[in-house]
């Protein structure tokens, strides 16, 4: 049993990670400033002696004790990270410095939740960990893209200079229950619009591709990366099954039984044309690959969205 600190632990991914860690018998300390995290995501743990919740913004230092640190704190959807770009950069840079400094002091192992956005609008396809990326450093997405690239640099520097035990995972598009309705991500957008019978908005012509990984698979990958001794990454975690955005919209309409129609809008600046992970390293080093089929994962997500919409009236 370990004492595990999860930053951003009340968020979409973080709360599912907390669930799994507690189920595995660990003590979990969840840090969150509740910008995009929600108390409802972790409310079922509040009476559990194995769980502790601390409202805290990681851009401020904090003194804690623990064995493992999963550093997930940062808004991860364009709607939220572009709302306050300076704060997003501070979270990625100062927040990562603070948590790495904590790990250096208490000799805890550190995992950085990085992102496929470090590849930008990739000129290499699929994207392997050796690809350096094609990122616009002054574009509207740069506060997040470049913020995560700097965070990776910090992790490597603390490992090489200070001997902090670290690993880096690059998370590709992930979906599942507890996604925010208004996060601007394509899966949540399409499901909400379909359930409400609204037009489904596609940016661009819908030919751009993404690869969608179900949350349970991702959590398996995060834990595998943390548990692998001597493995430092970076490693891609995502589902290599690629599909067009238009195909996803049509699938969501089919699964919800919606009468929504597709409408097209201008593609945002620097939106990647293609995104698919090469997961050979994860297979080799972690023995990990996703197992949940897209239809199955989408149905679980749709059911969760329907239930929450009913609760909200």
C-alpha atoms as a PDB file:
ATOM      1  CA  UNK A   1       0.000   0.000   0.000  1.00  0.00           C
ATOM      2  CA  UNK A   2       1.288   3.444  -0.958  1.00  0.00           C
ATOM      3  CA  UNK A   3       0.303   6.993  -0.092  1.00  0.00           C
ATOM      4  CA  UNK A   4      -0.500   8.534  -3.454  1.00  0.00           C
ATOM      5  CA  UNK A   5      -0.892  12.225  -4.295  1.00  0.00           C
ATOM      6  CA  UNK A   6      -3.048  13.001  -7.342  1.00  0.00           C
ATOM      7  CA  UNK A   7      -3.042  16.606  -8.564  1.00  0.00           C
ATOM      8  CA  UNK A   8      -6.169  17.428 -10.524  1.00  0.00           C
ATOM      9  CA  UNK A   9      -7.724  14.457  -8.753  1.00  0.00           C
ATOM     10  CA  UNK A  10     -11.299  15.778  -8.968  1.00  0.00           C
ATOM     11  CA  UNK A  11     -11.130  16.133 -12.741  1.00  0.00           C
ATOM     12  CA  UNK A  12     -12.334  13.737 -15.422  1.00  0.00           C
ATOM     13  CA  UNK A  13      -9.199  11.584 -15.629  1.00  0.00           C
ATOM     14  CA  UNK A  14      -8.005  12.275 -12.083  1.00  0.00           C
ATOM     15  CA  UNK A  15     -11.207  11.112 -10.413  1.00  0.00           C
ATOM     16  CA  UNK A  16     -11.187   7.807 -12.294  1.00  0.00           C
ATOM     17  CA  UNK A  17      -7.546   7.365 -11.289  1.00  0.00           C
ATOM     18  CA  UNK A  18      -8.466   8.019  -7.638  1.00  0.00           C
ATOM     19  CA  UNK A  19     -11.198   5.377  -7.912  1.00  0.00           C
ATOM     20  CA  UNK A  20      -8.739   2.777  -9.172  1.00  0.00           C
ATOM     21  CA  UNK A  21      -6.009   3.595  -6.657  1.00  0.00           C
ATOM     22  CA  UNK A  22      -8.434   3.335  -3.726  1.00  0.00           C
ATOM     23  CA  UNK A  23      -9.840   0.081  -5.113  1.00  0.00           C
ATOM     24  CA  UNK A  24      -6.256  -1.221  -5.250  1.00  0.00           C
ATOM     25  CA  UNK A  25      -5.829  -0.493  -1.530  1.00  0.00           C
ATOM     26  CA  UNK A  26      -3.816   2.745  -1.619  1.00  0.00           C
ATOM     27  CA  UNK A  27      -4.300   5.907   0.437  1.00  0.00           C
ATOM     28  CA  UNK A  28      -5.069   8.819  -1.890  1.00  0.00           C
ATOM     29  CA  UNK A  29      -4.575  12.534  -1.311  1.00  0.00           C
ATOM     30  CA  UNK A  30      -6.446  14.490  -3.981  1.00  0.00           C
ATOM     31  CA  UNK A  31      -5.336  18.052  -4.777  1.00  0.00           C
ATOM     32  CA  UNK A  32      -7.626  20.221  -6.895  1.00  0.00           C
ATOM     33  CA  UNK A  33      -8.469  23.909  -7.233  1.00  0.00           C
ATOM     34  CA  UNK A  34     -11.853  23.026  -8.828  1.00  0.00           C
ATOM     35  CA  UNK A  35     -11.392  25.117 -11.951  1.00  0.00           C
ATOM     36  CA  UNK A  36     -12.402  22.168 -14.135  1.00  0.00           C
ATOM     37  CA  UNK A  37     -12.558  19.514 -11.401  1.00  0.00           C
ATOM     38  CA  UNK A  38     -15.889  18.806  -9.729  1.00  0.00           C
ATOM     39  CA  UNK A  39     -16.590  17.688  -6.157  1.00  0.00           C
ATOM     40  CA  UNK A  40     -19.312  15.380  -7.410  1.00  0.00           C
ATOM     41  CA  UNK A  41     -16.623  13.323  -9.159  1.00  0.00           C
ATOM     42  CA  UNK A  42     -15.019  12.335  -5.862  1.00  0.00           C
ATOM     43  CA  UNK A  43     -17.951  12.816  -3.446  1.00  0.00           C
ATOM     44  CA  UNK A  44     -18.353   9.052  -3.036  1.00  0.00           C
ATOM     45  CA  UNK A  45     -14.917   8.915  -1.391  1.00  0.00           C
ATOM     46  CA  UNK A  46     -15.387  11.719   1.136  1.00  0.00           C
ATOM     47  CA  UNK A  47     -16.304   9.393   3.997  1.00  0.00           C
ATOM     48  CA  UNK A  48     -13.486   6.987   3.222  1.00  0.00           C
ATOM     49  CA  UNK A  49     -10.490   7.074   5.585  1.00  0.00           C
ATOM     50  CA  UNK A  50      -8.251   6.115   2.651  1.00  0.00           C
ATOM     51  CA  UNK A  51      -9.141   9.348   0.830  1.00  0.00           C
ATOM     52  CA  UNK A  52      -8.241  12.953   1.604  1.00  0.00           C
ATOM     53  CA  UNK A  53      -9.260  16.042  -0.362  1.00  0.00           C
ATOM     54  CA  UNK A  54      -7.260  19.277  -0.300  1.00  0.00           C
ATOM     55  CA  UNK A  55      -8.414  22.362  -2.190  1.00  0.00           C
ATOM     56  CA  UNK A  56      -5.164  23.750  -3.568  1.00  0.00           C
ATOM     57  CA  UNK A  57      -3.775  25.393  -6.699  1.00  0.00           C
ATOM     58  CA  UNK A  58      -0.489  23.771  -7.704  1.00  0.00           C
ATOM     59  CA  UNK A  59       1.034  27.071  -8.815  1.00  0.00           C
ATOM     60  CA  UNK A  60       1.484  27.646  -5.070  1.00  0.00           C
ATOM     61  CA  UNK A  61       3.964  25.439  -3.143  1.00  0.00           C
ATOM     62  CA  UNK A  62       2.602  22.904  -0.674  1.00  0.00           C
ATOM     63  CA  UNK A  63       4.189  20.618   1.931  1.00  0.00           C
ATOM     64  CA  UNK A  64       2.904  17.049   1.817  1.00  0.00           C
ATOM     65  CA  UNK A  65       4.131  13.510   2.392  1.00  0.00           C
ATOM     66  CA  UNK A  66       3.658  10.638  -0.005  1.00  0.00           C
ATOM     67  CA  UNK A  67       5.245   7.858  -2.022  1.00  0.00           C
ATOM     68  CA  UNK A  68       3.890   8.549  -5.510  1.00  0.00           C
ATOM     69  CA  UNK A  69       2.726  11.716  -7.276  1.00  0.00           C
ATOM     70  CA  UNK A  70       0.488  11.638 -10.347  1.00  0.00           C
ATOM     71  CA  UNK A  71       0.617  15.188 -11.707  1.00  0.00           C
ATOM     72  CA  UNK A  72      -2.535  15.697 -13.758  1.00  0.00           C
ATOM     73  CA  UNK A  73      -3.447  19.266 -12.744  1.00  0.00           C
ATOM     74  CA  UNK A  74      -4.112  21.425 -15.807  1.00  0.00           C
ATOM     75  CA  UNK A  75      -7.198  22.265 -17.863  1.00  0.00           C
ATOM     76  CA  UNK A  76      -6.971  19.990 -20.895  1.00  0.00           C
ATOM     77  CA  UNK A  77      -9.674  21.200 -23.284  1.00  0.00           C
ATOM     78  CA  UNK A  78      -9.247  24.242 -25.559  1.00  0.00           C
ATOM     79  CA  UNK A  79     -12.331  25.980 -24.108  1.00  0.00           C
ATOM     80  CA  UNK A  80     -10.812  25.929 -20.626  1.00  0.00           C
ATOM     81  CA  UNK A  81      -7.092  26.318 -21.262  1.00  0.00           C
ATOM     82  CA  UNK A  82      -7.627  29.203 -23.688  1.00  0.00           C
ATOM     83  CA  UNK A  83      -9.907  31.044 -21.246  1.00  0.00           C
ATOM     84  CA  UNK A  84      -6.866  32.121 -19.202  1.00  0.00           C
ATOM     85  CA  UNK A  85      -3.704  31.337 -21.198  1.00  0.00           C
ATOM     86  CA  UNK A  86      -1.304  32.847 -18.653  1.00  0.00           C
ATOM     87  CA  UNK A  87      -2.809  30.744 -15.873  1.00  0.00           C
ATOM     88  CA  UNK A  88      -2.514  27.653 -18.089  1.00  0.00           C
ATOM     89  CA  UNK A  89       1.201  28.340 -18.630  1.00  0.00           C
ATOM     90  CA  UNK A  90       1.696  28.952 -14.905  1.00  0.00           C
ATOM     91  CA  UNK A  91      -0.017  25.661 -14.091  1.00  0.00           C
ATOM     92  CA  UNK A  92       2.179  23.750 -16.523  1.00  0.00           C
ATOM     93  CA  UNK A  93       5.430  25.417 -15.521  1.00  0.00           C
ATOM     94  CA  UNK A  94       5.158  26.581 -11.902  1.00  0.00           C
ATOM     95  CA  UNK A  95       2.829  23.744 -10.933  1.00  0.00           C
ATOM     96  CA  UNK A  96       5.225  21.166 -12.352  1.00  0.00           C
ATOM     97  CA  UNK A  97       8.206  22.815 -10.653  1.00  0.00           C
ATOM     98  CA  UNK A  98       6.377  22.779  -7.316  1.00  0.00           C
ATOM     99  CA  UNK A  99       5.402  19.128  -7.547  1.00  0.00           C
ATOM    100  CA  UNK A 100       8.846  18.066  -8.765  1.00  0.00           C
ATOM    101  CA  UNK A 101      10.380  20.016  -5.881  1.00  0.00           C
ATOM    102  CA  UNK A 102       8.036  18.176  -3.522  1.00  0.00           C
ATOM    103  CA  UNK A 103       9.125  14.824  -4.959  1.00  0.00           C
ATOM    104  CA  UNK A 104      12.780  15.801  -4.641  1.00  0.00           C
ATOM    105  CA  UNK A 105      12.255  16.616  -0.950  1.00  0.00           C
ATOM    106  CA  UNK A 106      10.213  13.556   0.014  1.00  0.00           C
ATOM    107  CA  UNK A 107      11.861  11.154  -2.476  1.00  0.00           C
ATOM    108  CA  UNK A 108       8.569  10.267  -4.146  1.00  0.00           C
ATOM    109  CA  UNK A 109       8.176   8.955  -7.689  1.00  0.00           C
ATOM    110  CA  UNK A 110       6.641  11.472 -10.107  1.00  0.00           C
ATOM    111  CA  UNK A 111       4.445  10.912 -13.166  1.00  0.00           C
ATOM    112  CA  UNK A 112       3.704  13.779 -15.545  1.00  0.00           C
ATOM    113  CA  UNK A 113       0.468  13.597 -17.493  1.00  0.00           C
ATOM    114  CA  UNK A 114       1.684  15.182 -20.716  1.00  0.00           C
ATOM    115  CA  UNK A 115      -0.289  15.220 -23.932  1.00  0.00           C
ATOM    116  CA  UNK A 116      -0.363  14.355 -27.612  1.00  0.00           C
ATOM    117  CA  UNK A 117      -0.568  18.124 -28.123  1.00  0.00           C
ATOM    118  CA  UNK A 118       3.231  18.222 -27.787  1.00  0.00           C
ATOM    119  CA  UNK A 119       3.210  16.874 -31.373  1.00  0.00           C
ATOM    120  CA  UNK A 120       1.186  19.871 -32.568  1.00  0.00           C
ATOM    121  CA  UNK A 121      -0.225  19.481 -36.084  1.00  0.00           C
ATOM    122  CA  UNK A 122       2.008  16.485 -36.814  1.00  0.00           C
ATOM    123  CA  UNK A 123       4.013  16.042 -39.972  1.00  0.00           C
ATOM    124  CA  UNK A 124       4.709  12.434 -38.940  1.00  0.00           C
ATOM    125  CA  UNK A 125       1.896   9.864 -38.863  1.00  0.00           C
ATOM    126  CA  UNK A 126       1.263   7.972 -36.690  1.00  0.00           C
ATOM    127  CA  UNK A 127       3.129   9.843 -33.944  1.00  0.00           C
ATOM    128  CA  UNK A 128       5.912   8.004 -32.140  1.00  0.00           C
ATOM    129  CA  UNK A 129       7.710   9.232 -29.027  1.00  0.00           C
ATOM    130  CA  UNK A 130      10.810  10.075 -31.074  1.00  0.00           C
ATOM    131  CA  UNK A 131       8.907  12.709 -33.097  1.00  0.00           C
ATOM    132  CA  UNK A 132       9.695  16.258 -31.927  1.00  0.00           C
ATOM    133  CA  UNK A 133       6.461  17.825 -33.097  1.00  0.00           C
ATOM    134  CA  UNK A 134       5.185  20.721 -35.208  1.00  0.00           C
ATOM    135  CA  UNK A 135       3.943  23.305 -32.720  1.00  0.00           C
ATOM    136  CA  UNK A 136       3.145  26.983 -33.249  1.00  0.00           C
ATOM    137  CA  UNK A 137       4.770  28.684 -30.212  1.00  0.00           C
ATOM    138  CA  UNK A 138       2.563  31.798 -30.465  1.00  0.00           C
ATOM    139  CA  UNK A 139      -0.729  30.284 -31.631  1.00  0.00           C
ATOM    140  CA  UNK A 140      -3.972  30.103 -29.633  1.00  0.00           C
ATOM    141  CA  UNK A 141      -3.180  26.565 -28.447  1.00  0.00           C
ATOM    142  CA  UNK A 142       0.418  27.311 -27.457  1.00  0.00           C
ATOM    143  CA  UNK A 143      -0.303  28.038 -23.783  1.00  0.00           C
ATOM    144  CA  UNK A 144      -1.173  24.349 -23.431  1.00  0.00           C
ATOM    145  CA  UNK A 145       1.023  22.768 -26.139  1.00  0.00           C
ATOM    146  CA  UNK A 146       4.203  24.618 -25.230  1.00  0.00           C
ATOM    147  CA  UNK A 147       3.331  24.538 -21.537  1.00  0.00           C
ATOM    148  CA  UNK A 148       3.346  20.740 -21.626  1.00  0.00           C
ATOM    149  CA  UNK A 149       6.551  20.688 -23.677  1.00  0.00           C
ATOM    150  CA  UNK A 150       8.252  22.821 -21.012  1.00  0.00           C
ATOM    151  CA  UNK A 151       6.790  20.562 -18.314  1.00  0.00           C
ATOM    152  CA  UNK A 152       8.447  17.577 -20.010  1.00  0.00           C
ATOM    153  CA  UNK A 153      11.748  19.476 -20.081  1.00  0.00           C
ATOM    154  CA  UNK A 154      11.433  20.189 -16.367  1.00  0.00           C
ATOM    155  CA  UNK A 155      10.766  16.532 -15.603  1.00  0.00           C
ATOM    156  CA  UNK A 156      13.831  15.382 -17.520  1.00  0.00           C
ATOM    157  CA  UNK A 157      15.971  18.089 -15.915  1.00  0.00           C
ATOM    158  CA  UNK A 158      14.906  17.168 -12.368  1.00  0.00           C
ATOM    159  CA  UNK A 159      15.597  13.500 -13.120  1.00  0.00           C
ATOM    160  CA  UNK A 160      19.018  14.127 -14.638  1.00  0.00           C
ATOM    161  CA  UNK A 161      20.206  16.847 -12.249  1.00  0.00           C
ATOM    162  CA  UNK A 162      18.467  15.964  -8.987  1.00  0.00           C
ATOM    163  CA  UNK A 163      17.889  12.244  -9.284  1.00  0.00           C
ATOM    164  CA  UNK A 164      14.103  12.470  -8.980  1.00  0.00           C
ATOM    165  CA  UNK A 165      12.460   9.234 -10.141  1.00  0.00           C
ATOM    166  CA  UNK A 166      10.159  10.379 -12.940  1.00  0.00           C
ATOM    167  CA  UNK A 167       8.138   9.158 -15.872  1.00  0.00           C
ATOM    168  CA  UNK A 168       6.250  10.962 -18.643  1.00  0.00           C
ATOM    169  CA  UNK A 169       3.091   9.785 -20.378  1.00  0.00           C
ATOM    170  CA  UNK A 170       1.629  11.505 -23.435  1.00  0.00           C
ATOM    171  CA  UNK A 171      -2.144  11.176 -23.313  1.00  0.00           C
ATOM    172  CA  UNK A 172      -4.127  11.087 -26.554  1.00  0.00           C
ATOM    173  CA  UNK A 173      -7.864  11.810 -26.877  1.00  0.00           C
ATOM    174  CA  UNK A 174      -9.651  10.192 -23.943  1.00  0.00           C
ATOM    175  CA  UNK A 175     -13.382   9.945 -23.293  1.00  0.00           C
ATOM    176  CA  UNK A 176     -15.792   8.428 -20.812  1.00  0.00           C
ATOM    177  CA  UNK A 177     -18.192   9.155 -17.942  1.00  0.00           C
ATOM    178  CA  UNK A 178     -17.676  12.419 -15.982  1.00  0.00           C
ATOM    179  CA  UNK A 179     -16.484  14.449 -18.969  1.00  0.00           C
ATOM    180  CA  UNK A 180     -17.691  18.022 -18.600  1.00  0.00           C
ATOM    181  CA  UNK A 181     -20.662  18.928 -20.784  1.00  0.00           C
ATOM    182  CA  UNK A 182     -19.077  22.241 -21.796  1.00  0.00           C
ATOM    183  CA  UNK A 183     -15.447  21.259 -22.278  1.00  0.00           C
ATOM    184  CA  UNK A 184     -15.512  21.756 -26.040  1.00  0.00           C
ATOM    185  CA  UNK A 185     -14.097  18.302 -26.766  1.00  0.00           C
ATOM    186  CA  UNK A 186     -15.542  16.522 -29.734  1.00  0.00           C
ATOM    187  CA  UNK A 187     -16.999  13.490 -27.901  1.00  0.00           C
ATOM    188  CA  UNK A 188     -18.792  15.510 -25.239  1.00  0.00           C
ATOM    189  CA  UNK A 189     -19.959  18.099 -27.792  1.00  0.00           C
ATOM    190  CA  UNK A 190     -21.454  15.472 -30.077  1.00  0.00           C
ATOM    191  CA  UNK A 191     -23.150  13.506 -27.297  1.00  0.00           C
ATOM    192  CA  UNK A 192     -24.737  16.586 -25.704  1.00  0.00           C
ATOM    193  CA  UNK A 193     -25.946  17.912 -29.059  1.00  0.00           C
ATOM    194  CA  UNK A 194     -27.326  14.498 -30.067  1.00  0.00           C
ATOM    195  CA  UNK A 195     -29.141  13.944 -26.762  1.00  0.00           C
ATOM    196  CA  UNK A 196     -30.692  17.404 -26.959  1.00  0.00           C
ATOM    197  CA  UNK A 197     -31.679  16.944 -30.608  1.00  0.00           C
ATOM    198  CA  UNK A 198     -29.528  19.889 -31.671  1.00  0.00           C
ATOM    199  CA  UNK A 199     -27.472  20.157 -34.861  1.00  0.00           C
ATOM    200  CA  UNK A 200     -24.101  18.462 -34.446  1.00  0.00           C
ATOM    201  CA  UNK A 201     -21.343  20.983 -35.104  1.00  0.00           C
ATOM    202  CA  UNK A 202     -18.347  19.819 -37.111  1.00  0.00           C
ATOM    203  CA  UNK A 203     -15.410  22.193 -37.466  1.00  0.00           C
ATOM    204  CA  UNK A 204     -13.818  21.916 -40.901  1.00  0.00           C
ATOM    205  CA  UNK A 205     -15.090  19.316 -43.375  1.00  0.00           C
ATOM    206  CA  UNK A 206     -14.967  16.458 -40.865  1.00  0.00           C
ATOM    207  CA  UNK A 207     -12.143  14.643 -42.634  1.00  0.00           C
ATOM    208  CA  UNK A 208      -9.658  15.355 -39.827  1.00  0.00           C
ATOM    209  CA  UNK A 209      -8.957  12.269 -37.736  1.00  0.00           C
ATOM    210  CA  UNK A 210      -8.611  11.431 -34.056  1.00  0.00           C
ATOM    211  CA  UNK A 211      -8.124   8.262 -32.010  1.00  0.00           C
ATOM    212  CA  UNK A 212     -10.314   7.789 -28.942  1.00  0.00           C
ATOM    213  CA  UNK A 213      -9.253   5.913 -25.807  1.00  0.00           C
ATOM    214  CA  UNK A 214     -11.760   4.928 -23.111  1.00  0.00           C
ATOM    215  CA  UNK A 215     -10.977   6.216 -19.629  1.00  0.00           C
ATOM    216  CA  UNK A 216     -10.577   2.789 -17.983  1.00  0.00           C
ATOM    217  CA  UNK A 217      -7.918   1.830 -20.530  1.00  0.00           C
ATOM    218  CA  UNK A 218      -6.069   5.083 -19.937  1.00  0.00           C
ATOM    219  CA  UNK A 219      -6.056   4.618 -16.157  1.00  0.00           C
ATOM    220  CA  UNK A 220      -4.579   1.146 -16.678  1.00  0.00           C
ATOM    221  CA  UNK A 221      -1.802   2.775 -18.708  1.00  0.00           C
ATOM    222  CA  UNK A 222      -1.101   5.470 -16.124  1.00  0.00           C
ATOM    223  CA  UNK A 223      -0.730   2.909 -13.347  1.00  0.00           C
ATOM    224  CA  UNK A 224       1.413   0.635 -15.534  1.00  0.00           C
ATOM    225  CA  UNK A 225       3.763   3.538 -16.319  1.00  0.00           C
ATOM    226  CA  UNK A 226       4.058   4.503 -12.652  1.00  0.00           C
ATOM    227  CA  UNK A 227       4.638   0.920 -11.528  1.00  0.00           C
ATOM    228  CA  UNK A 228       7.319   0.075 -14.108  1.00  0.00           C
ATOM    229  CA  UNK A 229      10.678   0.248 -12.372  1.00  0.00           C
ATOM    230  CA  UNK A 230      13.392   2.146 -14.234  1.00  0.00           C
ATOM    231  CA  UNK A 231      11.026   3.337 -16.976  1.00  0.00           C
ATOM    232  CA  UNK A 232      11.036   7.084 -17.574  1.00  0.00           C
ATOM    233  CA  UNK A 233       9.166   7.561 -20.861  1.00  0.00           C
ATOM    234  CA  UNK A 234       7.925   9.514 -22.581  1.00  0.00           C
ATOM    235  CA  UNK A 235       5.347   6.972 -23.700  1.00  0.00           C
ATOM    236  CA  UNK A 236       2.191   7.407 -25.750  1.00  0.00           C
ATOM    237  CA  UNK A 237      -1.081   6.300 -24.134  1.00  0.00           C
ATOM    238  CA  UNK A 238      -3.983   6.246 -26.543  1.00  0.00           C
ATOM    239  CA  UNK A 239      -6.043   4.099 -28.852  1.00  0.00           C
ATOM    240  CA  UNK A 240      -4.431   3.619 -32.280  1.00  0.00           C
ATOM    241  CA  UNK A 241      -7.798   3.067 -33.991  1.00  0.00           C
ATOM    242  CA  UNK A 242      -8.170   6.188 -36.138  1.00  0.00           C
ATOM    243  CA  UNK A 243     -11.432   7.625 -37.429  1.00  0.00           C
ATOM    244  CA  UNK A 244     -12.685  10.839 -39.005  1.00  0.00           C
ATOM    245  CA  UNK A 245     -14.614  13.386 -36.981  1.00  0.00           C
ATOM    246  CA  UNK A 246     -17.558  13.030 -39.375  1.00  0.00           C
ATOM    247  CA  UNK A 247     -17.620   9.252 -38.792  1.00  0.00           C
ATOM    248  CA  UNK A 248     -17.638   9.842 -35.031  1.00  0.00           C
ATOM    249  CA  UNK A 249     -20.581  12.240 -35.361  1.00  0.00           C
ATOM    250  CA  UNK A 250     -22.526   9.697 -37.426  1.00  0.00           C
ATOM    251  CA  UNK A 251     -21.776   6.962 -34.866  1.00  0.00           C
ATOM    252  CA  UNK A 252     -22.995   9.129 -31.976  1.00  0.00           C
ATOM    253  CA  UNK A 253     -26.231   9.872 -33.882  1.00  0.00           C
ATOM    254  CA  UNK A 254     -26.702   6.129 -34.451  1.00  0.00           C
ATOM    255  CA  UNK A 255     -26.049   5.154 -30.826  1.00  0.00           C
ATOM    256  CA  UNK A 256     -28.291   7.878 -29.354  1.00  0.00           C
ATOM    257  CA  UNK A 257     -31.072   7.398 -31.891  1.00  0.00           C
ATOM    258  CA  UNK A 258     -30.969  11.160 -32.422  1.00  0.00           C
ATOM    259  CA  UNK A 259     -32.425  13.079 -35.349  1.00  0.00           C
ATOM    260  CA  UNK A 260     -29.628  15.627 -35.208  1.00  0.00           C
ATOM    261  CA  UNK A 261     -28.236  16.932 -38.480  1.00  0.00           C
ATOM    262  CA  UNK A 262     -24.583  17.686 -39.225  1.00  0.00           C
ATOM    263  CA  UNK A 263     -23.606  21.334 -39.686  1.00  0.00           C
ATOM    264  CA  UNK A 264     -20.172  22.608 -40.619  1.00  0.00           C
ATOM    265  CA  UNK A 265     -18.198  25.543 -39.236  1.00  0.00           C
ATOM    266  CA  UNK A 266     -14.769  27.048 -39.887  1.00  0.00           C
ATOM    267  CA  UNK A 267     -11.840  24.974 -38.586  1.00  0.00           C
ATOM    268  CA  UNK A 268     -10.026  26.634 -35.628  1.00  0.00           C
ATOM    269  CA  UNK A 269      -6.442  27.827 -36.091  1.00  0.00           C
ATOM    270  CA  UNK A 270      -3.711  25.177 -35.580  1.00  0.00           C
ATOM    271  CA  UNK A 271      -6.255  22.358 -35.208  1.00  0.00           C
ATOM    272  CA  UNK A 272      -4.355  19.128 -35.998  1.00  0.00           C
ATOM    273  CA  UNK A 273      -5.392  17.401 -39.232  1.00  0.00           C
ATOM    274  CA  UNK A 274      -4.471  13.903 -38.037  1.00  0.00           C
ATOM    275  CA  UNK A 275      -3.780  12.380 -34.650  1.00  0.00           C
ATOM    276  CA  UNK A 276      -2.998   8.720 -33.975  1.00  0.00           C
ATOM    277  CA  UNK A 277      -0.548   7.275 -31.458  1.00  0.00           C
ATOM    278  CA  UNK A 278       2.139   4.751 -32.189  1.00  0.00           C
ATOM    279  CA  UNK A 279       1.820   2.590 -29.042  1.00  0.00           C
ATOM    280  CA  UNK A 280       4.547   0.047 -29.753  1.00  0.00           C
ATOM    281  CA  UNK A 281       6.639   1.384 -26.860  1.00  0.00           C
ATOM    282  CA  UNK A 282       3.719   1.052 -24.428  1.00  0.00           C
ATOM    283  CA  UNK A 283       3.128  -2.521 -25.611  1.00  0.00           C
ATOM    284  CA  UNK A 284       6.805  -3.434 -25.263  1.00  0.00           C
ATOM    285  CA  UNK A 285       7.704  -1.671 -22.006  1.00  0.00           C
ATOM    286  CA  UNK A 286       4.398  -1.634 -20.133  1.00  0.00           C
ATOM    287  CA  UNK A 287       2.542  -4.571 -21.653  1.00  0.00           C
ATOM    288  CA  UNK A 288      -0.301  -2.111 -22.236  1.00  0.00           C
ATOM    289  CA  UNK A 289      -2.801  -1.627 -25.001  1.00  0.00           C
ATOM    290  CA  UNK A 290      -6.429  -0.445 -24.950  1.00  0.00           C
ATOM    291  CA  UNK A 291      -9.145  -3.073 -24.904  1.00  0.00           C
ATOM    292  CA  UNK A 292     -12.484  -1.204 -24.863  1.00  0.00           C
ATOM    293  CA  UNK A 293     -14.188  -0.971 -28.256  1.00  0.00           C
ATOM    294  CA  UNK A 294     -15.343   2.521 -29.267  1.00  0.00           C
ATOM    295  CA  UNK A 295     -19.034   1.581 -29.483  1.00  0.00           C
ATOM    296  CA  UNK A 296     -18.975   0.040 -26.001  1.00  0.00           C
ATOM    297  CA  UNK A 297     -17.160   3.013 -24.483  1.00  0.00           C
ATOM    298  CA  UNK A 298     -19.449   5.502 -26.200  1.00  0.00           C
ATOM    299  CA  UNK A 299     -22.566   3.740 -24.909  1.00  0.00           C
ATOM    300  CA  UNK A 300     -21.245   3.924 -21.333  1.00  0.00           C
ATOM    301  CA  UNK A 301     -20.475   7.611 -21.864  1.00  0.00           C
ATOM    302  CA  UNK A 302     -23.871   8.320 -23.440  1.00  0.00           C
ATOM    303  CA  UNK A 303     -25.659   6.590 -20.537  1.00  0.00           C
ATOM    304  CA  UNK A 304     -23.674   8.692 -18.051  1.00  0.00           C
ATOM    305  CA  UNK A 305     -24.510  11.907 -19.940  1.00  0.00           C
ATOM    306  CA  UNK A 306     -28.204  10.986 -20.080  1.00  0.00           C
ATOM    307  CA  UNK A 307     -28.305  10.334 -16.335  1.00  0.00           C
ATOM    308  CA  UNK A 308     -26.568  13.617 -15.492  1.00  0.00           C
ATOM    309  CA  UNK A 309     -28.809  15.583 -17.854  1.00  0.00           C
ATOM    310  CA  UNK A 310     -31.856  14.141 -16.052  1.00  0.00           C
ATOM    311  CA  UNK A 311     -30.376  15.108 -12.676  1.00  0.00           C
ATOM    312  CA  UNK A 312     -29.805  18.650 -13.897  1.00  0.00           C
ATOM    313  CA  UNK A 313     -33.356  18.823 -15.209  1.00  0.00           C
END
